[in-house]
Amino acid sequence: MRRLASAASSVAFLTAVIAAWWLVAETKLINPMFLPGPQRALATLWGWIDSGELWDPLGKTVWRLFAGWLVASAIGIALGAAIASSARARELLEPTAEFLRPLPASALLPPAVLLLGLTDTMIVTVIAFGTVWPILLGSIHGFKAIDPRLIEVARMLRFPPLARAFKFQLPNALPEIFAGMRVSLALALILTVVAEMLSSQPGLGHMVLVAARAFRSADIFAGIFVLGVLGFLTNSLMQYLEAYLLRWRPAHSEG
């Protein structure tokens, strides 16, 4: 009942937002050139779907989004485990990580374009750089937070370091890792759109940019709607995977 009530509240709020949007557009409180009604935006979106115009840019955006995010996840988890588990690795990697972490990902775009050109590789690299930090920090905290007694048990049982990491430290770190991955997934979508806009590579970001330059407001809002749905679906997927893989935890098994 609680979930049903929460879902009903969300639907009611969304309906109220759309109704307010429709009312403002119909009364022309804002120039229709800049704020189309929801019916115009949805009609544009349906036209994209019906003509097939949507699928190619959507596919390119989704590919870049997940490619960059998966690269960031692999690097963040591996480096986080190394930094948390080895004093020598901390000495080598932490200063560089602390130097790079405050840099905005957008600052990497000009040198990335110079080195890699206006390519998918450039976009994926920028996404990976901008999204690795929440995963890295979550991994470091998760691997460090293991109970020392579990490490002692693993040593008494003569587990090699790699086996200790996979059988003891990784399961303990998974909640923190998933928290970082969910944050980084939202950042990955933002960076994908920004990189597509700045590099003029085909994708949803470029579609929205072209529509803005031509003052096609209905196209802009249709593109924003698609990006919102994409963000909602990717976050829902992460929630499902987290609940499934961490079902052994009381917080998930009770839900």
C-alpha atoms as a PDB file:
ATOM      1  CA  MET A   1       0.000   0.000   0.000  1.00  0.00           C
ATOM      2  CA  ARG A   2       2.846   2.366   0.791  1.00  0.00           C
ATOM      3  CA  ARG A   3       4.405   1.849  -2.650  1.00  0.00           C
ATOM      4  CA  LEU A   4       1.020   2.291  -4.331  1.00  0.00           C
ATOM      5  CA  ALA A   5       0.410   5.532  -2.459  1.00  0.00           C
ATOM      6  CA  SER A   6       3.888   6.784  -3.368  1.00  0.00           C
ATOM      7  CA  ALA A   7       3.349   5.951  -7.046  1.00  0.00           C
ATOM      8  CA  ALA A   8      -0.054   7.661  -7.010  1.00  0.00           C
ATOM      9  CA  SER A   9       1.471  10.783  -5.438  1.00  0.00           C
ATOM     10  CA  SER A  10       4.201  10.866  -8.093  1.00  0.00           C
ATOM     11  CA  VAL A  11       1.670  10.517 -10.922  1.00  0.00           C
ATOM     12  CA  ALA A  12      -0.542  13.218  -9.397  1.00  0.00           C
ATOM     13  CA  PHE A  13       2.392  15.624  -9.083  1.00  0.00           C
ATOM     14  CA  LEU A  14       3.498  14.960 -12.664  1.00  0.00           C
ATOM     15  CA  THR A  15      -0.052  15.512 -13.885  1.00  0.00           C
ATOM     16  CA  ALA A  16      -0.200  18.823 -12.013  1.00  0.00           C
ATOM     17  CA  VAL A  17       3.098  19.956 -13.574  1.00  0.00           C
ATOM     18  CA  ILE A  18       1.869  19.102 -17.088  1.00  0.00           C
ATOM     19  CA  ALA A  19      -1.451  20.836 -16.428  1.00  0.00           C
ATOM     20  CA  ALA A  20       0.347  23.972 -15.225  1.00  0.00           C
ATOM     21  CA  TRP A  21       2.595  23.835 -18.299  1.00  0.00           C
ATOM     22  CA  TRP A  22      -0.455  23.532 -20.573  1.00  0.00           C
ATOM     23  CA  LEU A  23      -2.224  26.421 -18.808  1.00  0.00           C
ATOM     24  CA  VAL A  24       0.777  28.748 -19.093  1.00  0.00           C
ATOM     25  CA  ALA A  25       1.215  27.861 -22.773  1.00  0.00           C
ATOM     26  CA  GLU A  26      -2.486  28.255 -23.601  1.00  0.00           C
ATOM     27  CA  THR A  27      -2.792  31.626 -21.867  1.00  0.00           C
ATOM     28  CA  LYS A  28       0.438  32.749 -23.594  1.00  0.00           C
ATOM     29  CA  LEU A  29       1.978  34.058 -20.391  1.00  0.00           C
ATOM     30  CA  ILE A  30       5.232  33.099 -22.110  1.00  0.00           C
ATOM     31  CA  ASN A  31       5.739  33.608 -25.834  1.00  0.00           C
ATOM     32  CA  PRO A  32       4.725  30.359 -27.654  1.00  0.00           C
ATOM     33  CA  MET A  33       7.947  30.654 -29.648  1.00  0.00           C
ATOM     34  CA  PHE A  34       9.830  29.862 -26.423  1.00  0.00           C
ATOM     35  CA  LEU A  35       7.290  27.710 -24.549  1.00  0.00           C
ATOM     36  CA  PRO A  36       5.158  25.369 -26.661  1.00  0.00           C
ATOM     37  CA  GLY A  37       2.263  23.484 -25.132  1.00  0.00           C
ATOM     38  CA  PRO A  38       2.815  19.863 -24.079  1.00  0.00           C
ATOM     39  CA  GLN A  39       0.605  18.719 -26.961  1.00  0.00           C
ATOM     40  CA  ARG A  40       2.989  20.319 -29.485  1.00  0.00           C
ATOM     41  CA  ALA A  41       6.048  18.740 -27.861  1.00  0.00           C
ATOM     42  CA  LEU A  42       4.403  15.302 -27.746  1.00  0.00           C
ATOM     43  CA  ALA A  43       3.232  15.647 -31.357  1.00  0.00           C
ATOM     44  CA  THR A  44       6.822  16.388 -32.380  1.00  0.00           C
ATOM     45  CA  LEU A  45       8.071  13.406 -30.407  1.00  0.00           C
ATOM     46  CA  TRP A  46       5.488  11.132 -32.007  1.00  0.00           C
ATOM     47  CA  GLY A  47       6.578  12.403 -35.428  1.00  0.00           C
ATOM     48  CA  TRP A  48      10.172  11.424 -34.615  1.00  0.00           C
ATOM     49  CA  ILE A  49       9.063   7.960 -33.512  1.00  0.00           C
ATOM     50  CA  ASP A  50       6.768   7.427 -36.492  1.00  0.00           C
ATOM     51  CA  SER A  51       9.389   8.519 -39.038  1.00  0.00           C
ATOM     52  CA  GLY A  52      12.248   6.683 -37.302  1.00  0.00           C
ATOM     53  CA  GLU A  53      14.178   9.939 -36.906  1.00  0.00           C
ATOM     54  CA  LEU A  54      14.615   9.359 -33.168  1.00  0.00           C
ATOM     55  CA  TRP A  55      16.260   5.945 -33.094  1.00  0.00           C
ATOM     56  CA  ASP A  56      19.679   6.621 -34.612  1.00  0.00           C
ATOM     57  CA  PRO A  57      20.587   9.619 -32.384  1.00  0.00           C
ATOM     58  CA  LEU A  58      19.077   7.871 -29.366  1.00  0.00           C
ATOM     59  CA  GLY A  59      21.169   4.773 -30.043  1.00  0.00           C
ATOM     60  CA  LYS A  60      24.365   6.822 -30.388  1.00  0.00           C
ATOM     61  CA  THR A  61      23.677   8.687 -27.146  1.00  0.00           C
ATOM     62  CA  VAL A  62      22.921   5.490 -25.221  1.00  0.00           C
ATOM     63  CA  TRP A  63      26.051   3.789 -26.583  1.00  0.00           C
ATOM     64  CA  ARG A  64      28.323   6.679 -25.581  1.00  0.00           C
ATOM     65  CA  LEU A  65      26.628   6.989 -22.205  1.00  0.00           C
ATOM     66  CA  PHE A  66      27.132   3.346 -21.221  1.00  0.00           C
ATOM     67  CA  ALA A  67      30.558   2.998 -22.846  1.00  0.00           C
ATOM     68  CA  GLY A  68      31.973   5.912 -20.855  1.00  0.00           C
ATOM     69  CA  TRP A  69      30.202   4.874 -17.674  1.00  0.00           C
ATOM     70  CA  LEU A  70      31.375   1.252 -17.869  1.00  0.00           C
ATOM     71  CA  VAL A  71      34.970   2.356 -18.484  1.00  0.00           C
ATOM     72  CA  ALA A  72      34.713   4.679 -15.466  1.00  0.00           C
ATOM     73  CA  SER A  73      33.215   1.878 -13.347  1.00  0.00           C
ATOM     74  CA  ALA A  74      36.013  -0.556 -14.186  1.00  0.00           C
ATOM     75  CA  ILE A  75      38.747   2.015 -13.550  1.00  0.00           C
ATOM     76  CA  GLY A  76      37.118   3.409 -10.400  1.00  0.00           C
ATOM     77  CA  ILE A  77      36.587   0.007  -8.758  1.00  0.00           C
ATOM     78  CA  ALA A  78      40.093  -1.242  -9.634  1.00  0.00           C
ATOM     79  CA  LEU A  79      41.842   1.936  -8.444  1.00  0.00           C
ATOM     80  CA  GLY A  80      39.640   2.169  -5.358  1.00  0.00           C
ATOM     81  CA  ALA A  81      40.520  -1.384  -4.355  1.00  0.00           C
ATOM     82  CA  ALA A  82      44.229  -0.737  -4.922  1.00  0.00           C
ATOM     83  CA  ILE A  83      44.258   2.544  -2.975  1.00  0.00           C
ATOM     84  CA  ALA A  84      42.270   1.100  -0.070  1.00  0.00           C
ATOM     85  CA  SER A  85      44.260  -2.134   0.167  1.00  0.00           C
ATOM     86  CA  SER A  86      47.860  -1.018  -0.361  1.00  0.00           C
ATOM     87  CA  ALA A  87      49.860   1.727   1.336  1.00  0.00           C
ATOM     88  CA  ARG A  88      52.252   1.755  -1.619  1.00  0.00           C
ATOM     89  CA  ALA A  89      49.366   2.245  -4.068  1.00  0.00           C
ATOM     90  CA  ARG A  90      48.050   5.116  -1.922  1.00  0.00           C
ATOM     91  CA  GLU A  91      51.434   6.835  -2.080  1.00  0.00           C
ATOM     92  CA  LEU A  92      51.547   6.482  -5.870  1.00  0.00           C
ATOM     93  CA  LEU A  93      47.941   7.176  -6.843  1.00  0.00           C
ATOM     94  CA  GLU A  94      46.353   9.469  -4.249  1.00  0.00           C
ATOM     95  CA  PRO A  95      48.314  12.654  -5.114  1.00  0.00           C
ATOM     96  CA  THR A  96      47.430  12.327  -8.801  1.00  0.00           C
ATOM     97  CA  ALA A  97      43.799  11.532  -7.996  1.00  0.00           C
ATOM     98  CA  GLU A  98      43.535  14.554  -5.702  1.00  0.00           C
ATOM     99  CA  PHE A  99      45.018  16.760  -8.436  1.00  0.00           C
ATOM    100  CA  LEU A 100      42.636  15.539 -11.142  1.00  0.00           C
ATOM    101  CA  ARG A 101      39.449  15.212  -9.078  1.00  0.00           C
ATOM    102  CA  PRO A 102      38.587  18.942  -8.815  1.00  0.00           C
ATOM    103  CA  LEU A 103      39.007  19.480 -12.564  1.00  0.00           C
ATOM    104  CA  PRO A 104      35.626  19.907 -14.310  1.00  0.00           C
ATOM    105  CA  ALA A 105      35.124  17.402 -17.099  1.00  0.00           C
ATOM    106  CA  SER A 106      34.236  20.221 -19.488  1.00  0.00           C
ATOM    107  CA  ALA A 107      37.788  21.557 -19.073  1.00  0.00           C
ATOM    108  CA  LEU A 108      39.037  18.313 -20.603  1.00  0.00           C
ATOM    109  CA  LEU A 109      37.039  18.807 -23.817  1.00  0.00           C
ATOM    110  CA  PRO A 110      39.486  21.136 -25.662  1.00  0.00           C
ATOM    111  CA  PRO A 111      42.592  18.957 -25.086  1.00  0.00           C
ATOM    112  CA  ALA A 112      40.519  15.823 -25.758  1.00  0.00           C
ATOM    113  CA  VAL A 113      39.407  17.264 -29.101  1.00  0.00           C
ATOM    114  CA  LEU A 114      43.010  18.167 -29.965  1.00  0.00           C
ATOM    115  CA  LEU A 115      44.307  14.698 -29.097  1.00  0.00           C
ATOM    116  CA  LEU A 116      41.411  12.481 -30.203  1.00  0.00           C
ATOM    117  CA  GLY A 117      39.478  14.630 -32.664  1.00  0.00           C
ATOM    118  CA  LEU A 118      35.713  14.939 -32.956  1.00  0.00           C
ATOM    119  CA  THR A 119      35.119  11.229 -32.452  1.00  0.00           C
ATOM    120  CA  ASP A 120      33.177   8.842 -30.266  1.00  0.00           C
ATOM    121  CA  THR A 121      36.450   7.952 -28.539  1.00  0.00           C
ATOM    122  CA  MET A 122      36.820  11.574 -27.434  1.00  0.00           C
ATOM    123  CA  ILE A 123      33.280  11.676 -26.018  1.00  0.00           C
ATOM    124  CA  VAL A 124      33.676   8.349 -24.210  1.00  0.00           C
ATOM    125  CA  THR A 125      37.002   9.518 -22.728  1.00  0.00           C
ATOM    126  CA  VAL A 126      35.453  12.741 -21.403  1.00  0.00           C
ATOM    127  CA  ILE A 127      32.500  10.817 -19.927  1.00  0.00           C
ATOM    128  CA  ALA A 128      34.823   8.309 -18.253  1.00  0.00           C
ATOM    129  CA  PHE A 129      36.973  11.088 -16.777  1.00  0.00           C
ATOM    130  CA  GLY A 130      33.999  13.032 -15.445  1.00  0.00           C
ATOM    131  CA  THR A 131      32.168  10.046 -13.936  1.00  0.00           C
ATOM    132  CA  VAL A 132      34.988   7.994 -12.419  1.00  0.00           C
ATOM    133  CA  TRP A 133      35.282  10.035  -9.200  1.00  0.00           C
ATOM    134  CA  PRO A 134      32.060   9.038  -7.370  1.00  0.00           C
ATOM    135  CA  ILE A 135      32.835   5.389  -8.129  1.00  0.00           C
ATOM    136  CA  LEU A 136      36.464   5.757  -7.048  1.00  0.00           C
ATOM    137  CA  LEU A 137      35.580   7.461  -3.758  1.00  0.00           C
ATOM    138  CA  GLY A 138      32.806   4.949  -3.043  1.00  0.00           C
ATOM    139  CA  SER A 139      35.157   2.054  -3.768  1.00  0.00           C
ATOM    140  CA  ILE A 140      37.884   3.436  -1.496  1.00  0.00           C
ATOM    141  CA  HIS A 141      35.433   3.953   1.360  1.00  0.00           C
ATOM    142  CA  GLY A 142      33.787   0.551   0.840  1.00  0.00           C
ATOM    143  CA  PHE A 143      37.038  -1.413   0.690  1.00  0.00           C
ATOM    144  CA  LYS A 144      38.409   0.440   3.737  1.00  0.00           C
ATOM    145  CA  ALA A 145      35.279  -0.118   5.822  1.00  0.00           C
ATOM    146  CA  ILE A 146      35.667  -3.894   6.108  1.00  0.00           C
ATOM    147  CA  ASP A 147      35.784  -5.336   9.606  1.00  0.00           C
ATOM    148  CA  PRO A 148      39.461  -6.078  10.482  1.00  0.00           C
ATOM    149  CA  ARG A 149      38.367  -9.390  11.991  1.00  0.00           C
ATOM    150  CA  LEU A 150      37.267 -10.588   8.557  1.00  0.00           C
ATOM    151  CA  ILE A 151      40.728  -9.809   7.205  1.00  0.00           C
ATOM    152  CA  GLU A 152      42.248 -11.789  10.064  1.00  0.00           C
ATOM    153  CA  VAL A 153      39.974 -14.739   9.274  1.00  0.00           C
ATOM    154  CA  ALA A 154      40.988 -14.580   5.615  1.00  0.00           C
ATOM    155  CA  ARG A 155      44.672 -14.579   6.585  1.00  0.00           C
ATOM    156  CA  MET A 156      44.203 -17.476   8.966  1.00  0.00           C
ATOM    157  CA  LEU A 157      42.522 -19.426   6.173  1.00  0.00           C
ATOM    158  CA  ARG A 158      45.483 -18.505   3.942  1.00  0.00           C
ATOM    159  CA  PHE A 159      43.468 -16.790   1.249  1.00  0.00           C
ATOM    160  CA  PRO A 160      45.737 -15.093  -1.302  1.00  0.00           C
ATOM    161  CA  PRO A 161      45.293 -11.290  -1.655  1.00  0.00           C
ATOM    162  CA  LEU A 162      43.176 -11.555  -4.810  1.00  0.00           C
ATOM    163  CA  ALA A 163      40.844 -14.109  -3.225  1.00  0.00           C
ATOM    164  CA  ARG A 164      40.543 -11.921  -0.107  1.00  0.00           C
ATOM    165  CA  ALA A 165      39.551  -8.986  -2.294  1.00  0.00           C
ATOM    166  CA  PHE A 166      36.842 -10.913  -4.176  1.00  0.00           C
ATOM    167  CA  LYS A 167      35.437 -13.009  -1.305  1.00  0.00           C
ATOM    168  CA  PHE A 168      35.617 -10.526   1.585  1.00  0.00           C
ATOM    169  CA  GLN A 169      36.336  -6.940   0.567  1.00  0.00           C
ATOM    170  CA  LEU A 170      34.287  -6.654  -2.640  1.00  0.00           C
ATOM    171  CA  PRO A 171      30.960  -7.854  -1.125  1.00  0.00           C
ATOM    172  CA  ASN A 172      31.495  -5.445   1.776  1.00  0.00           C
ATOM    173  CA  ALA A 173      32.232  -2.575  -0.630  1.00  0.00           C
ATOM    174  CA  LEU A 174      29.347  -3.225  -3.049  1.00  0.00           C
ATOM    175  CA  PRO A 175      26.783  -0.900  -1.356  1.00  0.00           C
ATOM    176  CA  GLU A 176      29.235   2.029  -1.509  1.00  0.00           C
ATOM    177  CA  ILE A 177      30.226   1.124  -5.068  1.00  0.00           C
ATOM    178  CA  PHE A 178      26.603   1.021  -6.221  1.00  0.00           C
ATOM    179  CA  ALA A 179      25.929   4.399  -4.598  1.00  0.00           C
ATOM    180  CA  GLY A 180      28.829   5.883  -6.540  1.00  0.00           C
ATOM    181  CA  MET A 181      27.750   4.171  -9.769  1.00  0.00           C
ATOM    182  CA  ARG A 182      24.228   5.598  -9.518  1.00  0.00           C
ATOM    183  CA  VAL A 183      25.563   9.124  -9.028  1.00  0.00           C
ATOM    184  CA  SER A 184      28.032   8.708 -11.883  1.00  0.00           C
ATOM    185  CA  LEU A 185      25.326   7.368 -14.222  1.00  0.00           C
ATOM    186  CA  ALA A 186      23.395  10.637 -13.891  1.00  0.00           C
ATOM    187  CA  LEU A 187      26.614  12.579 -14.500  1.00  0.00           C
ATOM    188  CA  ALA A 188      27.332  10.414 -17.542  1.00  0.00           C
ATOM    189  CA  LEU A 189      24.037  11.417 -19.166  1.00  0.00           C
ATOM    190  CA  ILE A 190      24.775  15.111 -18.582  1.00  0.00           C
ATOM    191  CA  LEU A 191      28.303  14.830 -19.976  1.00  0.00           C
ATOM    192  CA  THR A 192      27.096  12.853 -22.991  1.00  0.00           C
ATOM    193  CA  VAL A 193      24.658  15.601 -23.942  1.00  0.00           C
ATOM    194  CA  VAL A 194      27.214  18.390 -23.354  1.00  0.00           C
ATOM    195  CA  ALA A 195      29.923  16.588 -25.326  1.00  0.00           C
ATOM    196  CA  GLU A 196      27.538  15.935 -28.235  1.00  0.00           C
ATOM    197  CA  MET A 197      26.568  19.594 -28.280  1.00  0.00           C
ATOM    198  CA  LEU A 198      30.139  20.874 -28.253  1.00  0.00           C
ATOM    199  CA  SER A 199      31.485  18.311 -30.716  1.00  0.00           C
ATOM    200  CA  SER A 200      28.488  18.385 -33.100  1.00  0.00           C
ATOM    201  CA  GLN A 201      28.419  14.595 -33.114  1.00  0.00           C
ATOM    202  CA  PRO A 202      25.037  13.001 -34.001  1.00  0.00           C
ATOM    203  CA  GLY A 203      22.997  12.285 -30.886  1.00  0.00           C
ATOM    204  CA  LEU A 204      20.220  13.647 -28.708  1.00  0.00           C
ATOM    205  CA  GLY A 205      22.405  16.513 -27.491  1.00  0.00           C
ATOM    206  CA  HIS A 206      23.111  17.625 -31.036  1.00  0.00           C
ATOM    207  CA  MET A 207      19.400  17.356 -31.925  1.00  0.00           C
ATOM    208  CA  VAL A 208      18.480  19.679 -29.053  1.00  0.00           C
ATOM    209  CA  LEU A 209      21.262  22.122 -29.985  1.00  0.00           C
ATOM    210  CA  VAL A 210      20.190  22.298 -33.641  1.00  0.00           C
ATOM    211  CA  ALA A 211      16.571  22.828 -32.573  1.00  0.00           C
ATOM    212  CA  ALA A 212      17.618  25.655 -30.230  1.00  0.00           C
ATOM    213  CA  ARG A 213      19.588  27.403 -32.974  1.00  0.00           C
ATOM    214  CA  ALA A 214      16.541  27.217 -35.267  1.00  0.00           C
ATOM    215  CA  PHE A 215      14.125  28.347 -32.491  1.00  0.00           C
ATOM    216  CA  ARG A 216      12.140  25.087 -32.823  1.00  0.00           C
ATOM    217  CA  SER A 217      10.898  25.077 -29.242  1.00  0.00           C
ATOM    218  CA  ALA A 218       8.683  21.999 -29.669  1.00  0.00           C
ATOM    219  CA  ASP A 219      11.732  20.009 -30.814  1.00  0.00           C
ATOM    220  CA  ILE A 220      13.714  21.253 -27.811  1.00  0.00           C
ATOM    221  CA  PHE A 221      11.080  20.113 -25.320  1.00  0.00           C
ATOM    222  CA  ALA A 222      10.600  16.807 -27.144  1.00  0.00           C
ATOM    223  CA  GLY A 223      14.354  16.177 -26.869  1.00  0.00           C
ATOM    224  CA  ILE A 224      14.357  17.141 -23.193  1.00  0.00           C
ATOM    225  CA  PHE A 225      11.465  14.724 -22.603  1.00  0.00           C
ATOM    226  CA  VAL A 226      13.389  11.876 -24.249  1.00  0.00           C
ATOM    227  CA  LEU A 227      16.460  12.660 -22.130  1.00  0.00           C
ATOM    228  CA  GLY A 228      14.306  12.696 -18.992  1.00  0.00           C
ATOM    229  CA  VAL A 229      12.813   9.302 -19.835  1.00  0.00           C
ATOM    230  CA  LEU A 230      16.296   7.941 -20.577  1.00  0.00           C
ATOM    231  CA  GLY A 231      17.566   9.181 -17.218  1.00  0.00           C
ATOM    232  CA  PHE A 232      14.566   7.675 -15.429  1.00  0.00           C
ATOM    233  CA  LEU A 233      15.002   4.296 -17.134  1.00  0.00           C
ATOM    234  CA  THR A 234      18.737   4.075 -16.461  1.00  0.00           C
ATOM    235  CA  ASN A 235      18.246   4.989 -12.796  1.00  0.00           C
ATOM    236  CA  SER A 236      15.449   2.414 -12.491  1.00  0.00           C
ATOM    237  CA  LEU A 237      17.721  -0.217 -14.038  1.00  0.00           C
ATOM    238  CA  MET A 238      20.439   0.563 -11.511  1.00  0.00           C
ATOM    239  CA  GLN A 239      17.947   0.350  -8.650  1.00  0.00           C
ATOM    240  CA  TYR A 240      16.796  -3.061  -9.890  1.00  0.00           C
ATOM    241  CA  LEU A 241      20.366  -4.363 -10.266  1.00  0.00           C
ATOM    242  CA  GLU A 242      21.314  -3.045  -6.835  1.00  0.00           C
ATOM    243  CA  ALA A 243      18.288  -4.649  -5.195  1.00  0.00           C
ATOM    244  CA  TYR A 244      18.983  -7.951  -6.982  1.00  0.00           C
ATOM    245  CA  LEU A 245      22.732  -8.159  -6.367  1.00  0.00           C
ATOM    246  CA  LEU A 246      22.447  -6.930  -2.764  1.00  0.00           C
ATOM    247  CA  ARG A 247      19.362  -8.967  -1.887  1.00  0.00           C
ATOM    248  CA  TRP A 248      21.393 -10.645   0.860  1.00  0.00           C
ATOM    249  CA  ARG A 249      21.414  -7.347   2.793  1.00  0.00           C
ATOM    250  CA  PRO A 250      18.514  -6.844   5.271  1.00  0.00           C
ATOM    251  CA  ALA A 251      17.642  -3.434   3.776  1.00  0.00           C
ATOM    252  CA  HIS A 252      17.051  -5.076   0.377  1.00  0.00           C
ATOM    253  CA  SER A 253      15.628  -8.418   1.432  1.00  0.00           C
ATOM    254  CA  GLU A 254      12.904  -6.714   3.466  1.00  0.00           C
ATOM    255  CA  GLY A 255      11.972  -4.492   0.458  1.00  0.00           C
END
